[in-house]
């Protein structure tokens, strides 16, 4: 997540920097530093922001917005998937980390995360345009 994306997401969540700091459990200085690019945005903060954005915009997604349907995940793989077990295919990126079959299959380079997955990117695009 870039500093510009962080600031944009804060605005989309209708929060001041102080309110965002309280929401995320960090200091106001940390939020200012994320937006100025003085500090790297931690992965846990990034996940929380994406989660809040998805929940605020849940009406954009249908009941068939499930990762396992789109990536045609085999039943044997689904059995060990936290997203499948929780029946939360829209939030697979929040639950699975890097264990997802889609991330492993699409991984062009080391370090790819769920935020690089096409399923996640398509849904995020619905939110931010």
Protein backbone atom coordinates (compact mmCIF):
# COMPACT_ATOMS: atom_id res chain seq x y z
CA UNK A 1 0.00 0.00 0.00
CA UNK A 2 1.36 3.39 -0.94
CA UNK A 3 1.15 6.56 1.11
CA UNK A 4 -1.33 7.96 -1.43
CA UNK A 5 -3.56 4.87 -1.17
CA UNK A 6 -3.48 5.09 2.62
CA UNK A 7 -4.61 8.73 2.54
CA UNK A 8 -7.28 7.95 -0.08
CA UNK A 9 -8.63 5.04 1.96
CA UNK A 10 -8.75 7.24 5.07
CA UNK A 11 -10.84 9.77 3.15
CA UNK A 12 -13.10 7.00 1.80
CA UNK A 13 -13.61 5.83 5.38
CA UNK A 14 -14.54 9.43 6.29
CA UNK A 15 -11.98 9.70 9.06
CA UNK A 16 -9.62 12.46 10.13
CA UNK A 17 -6.03 11.50 10.79
CA UNK A 18 -6.75 11.50 14.53
CA UNK A 19 -9.84 9.31 14.09
CA UNK A 20 -7.89 6.94 11.85
CA UNK A 21 -5.16 6.66 14.48
CA UNK A 22 -7.74 5.76 17.13
CA UNK A 23 -9.45 3.29 14.80
CA UNK A 24 -6.18 1.53 13.97
CA UNK A 25 -4.75 1.69 17.50
CA UNK A 26 -1.71 3.71 16.48
CA UNK A 27 -0.50 7.20 17.23
CA UNK A 28 -1.48 10.28 15.27
CA UNK A 29 2.20 10.65 14.38
CA UNK A 30 2.15 7.16 12.85
CA UNK A 31 -0.80 8.04 10.60
CA UNK A 32 0.89 11.29 9.58
CA UNK A 33 4.07 9.34 8.85
CA UNK A 34 2.22 6.77 6.71
CA UNK A 35 0.64 9.54 4.64
CA UNK A 36 3.90 11.46 4.24
CA UNK A 37 5.85 8.33 3.31
CA UNK A 38 8.17 8.61 6.31
CA UNK A 39 7.11 5.19 7.60
CA UNK A 40 6.26 1.99 5.80
CA UNK A 41 2.64 0.93 6.35
CA UNK A 42 2.68 -2.33 8.35
CA UNK A 43 0.94 -5.37 6.86
CA UNK A 44 -1.56 -5.59 9.73
CA UNK A 45 -2.62 -1.96 9.20
CA UNK A 46 -2.98 -2.57 5.47
CA UNK A 47 -5.20 -5.61 6.08
CA UNK A 48 -7.42 -3.70 8.50
CA UNK A 49 -7.90 -0.87 6.00
CA UNK A 50 -8.82 -3.26 3.19
CA UNK A 51 -11.20 -5.12 5.51
CA UNK A 52 -12.98 -1.90 6.50
CA UNK A 53 -13.26 -0.80 2.87
CA UNK A 54 -14.71 -4.14 1.81
CA UNK A 55 -17.20 -4.17 4.70
CA UNK A 56 -18.31 -0.59 3.97
CA UNK A 57 -18.92 -1.55 0.35
CA UNK A 58 -20.27 -5.06 0.82
CA UNK A 59 -23.42 -4.17 -1.13
CA UNK A 60 -21.28 -4.14 -4.31
CA UNK A 61 -20.70 -7.85 -4.04
CA UNK A 62 -23.07 -10.70 -4.70
CA UNK A 63 -23.51 -13.99 -2.92
CA UNK A 64 -21.51 -15.65 -5.68
CA UNK A 65 -18.46 -13.47 -5.02
CA UNK A 66 -16.52 -16.38 -3.60
CA UNK A 67 -12.88 -17.02 -4.37
CA UNK A 68 -13.24 -20.79 -4.68
CA UNK A 69 -15.86 -20.39 -7.41
CA UNK A 70 -13.84 -17.95 -9.47
CA UNK A 71 -10.52 -19.77 -9.26
CA UNK A 72 -12.22 -23.16 -9.55
CA UNK A 73 -10.56 -24.44 -6.43
CA UNK A 74 -10.69 -28.27 -6.18
CA UNK A 75 -12.61 -29.80 -3.29
CA UNK A 76 -9.44 -31.39 -1.90
CA UNK A 77 -7.76 -27.99 -1.65
CA UNK A 78 -10.86 -26.34 -0.18
CA UNK A 79 -10.87 -28.78 2.72
CA UNK A 80 -7.77 -27.12 4.21
CA UNK A 81 -8.67 -23.53 3.36
CA UNK A 82 -9.70 -21.18 6.21
CA UNK A 83 -11.84 -19.09 3.82
CA UNK A 84 -13.77 -22.16 2.70
CA UNK A 85 -14.20 -23.40 6.27
CA UNK A 86 -15.58 -20.00 7.34
CA UNK A 87 -17.62 -19.66 4.11
CA UNK A 88 -16.04 -16.24 3.64
CA UNK A 89 -14.80 -16.38 0.06
CA UNK A 90 -15.01 -12.63 -0.36
CA UNK A 91 -12.54 -12.22 2.50
CA UNK A 92 -10.16 -15.00 1.51
CA UNK A 93 -7.29 -12.48 1.36
CA UNK A 94 -7.94 -11.59 5.00
CA UNK A 95 -8.08 -15.18 6.23
CA UNK A 96 -5.58 -17.22 4.24
CA UNK A 97 -2.38 -15.23 4.03
CA UNK A 98 -0.17 -16.77 1.34
CA UNK A 99 -1.49 -20.32 1.48
CA UNK A 100 -4.10 -19.82 -1.23
CA UNK A 101 -3.82 -21.92 -4.35
CA UNK A 102 -4.47 -18.87 -6.53
CA UNK A 103 -1.59 -16.95 -5.00
CA UNK A 104 0.72 -19.93 -5.36
CA UNK A 105 -0.32 -20.50 -8.99
CA UNK A 106 -0.06 -16.83 -9.96
CA UNK A 107 3.16 -16.20 -8.10
CA UNK A 108 5.52 -14.66 -10.66
CA UNK A 109 8.06 -13.70 -8.01
CA UNK A 110 8.83 -14.32 -4.37
CA UNK A 111 6.89 -12.30 -1.88
CA UNK A 112 3.56 -12.21 -3.67
CA UNK A 113 0.68 -11.74 -1.30
CA UNK A 114 -3.08 -12.05 -1.44
CA UNK A 115 -3.19 -8.37 -2.36
CA UNK A 116 -1.58 -9.35 -5.69
CA UNK A 117 -4.23 -12.00 -6.46
CA UNK A 118 -6.60 -11.31 -9.37
CA UNK A 119 -9.64 -12.19 -7.23
CA UNK A 120 -8.72 -9.51 -4.67
CA UNK A 121 -7.75 -6.94 -7.31
CA UNK A 122 -11.08 -7.29 -9.15
CA UNK A 123 -13.07 -6.70 -5.97
CA UNK A 124 -10.91 -3.77 -4.89
CA UNK A 125 -11.41 -2.20 -8.31
CA UNK A 126 -15.20 -2.35 -7.75
CA UNK A 127 -14.69 -0.28 -4.63
CA UNK A 128 -12.14 2.28 -5.73
CA UNK A 129 -12.90 2.35 -9.44
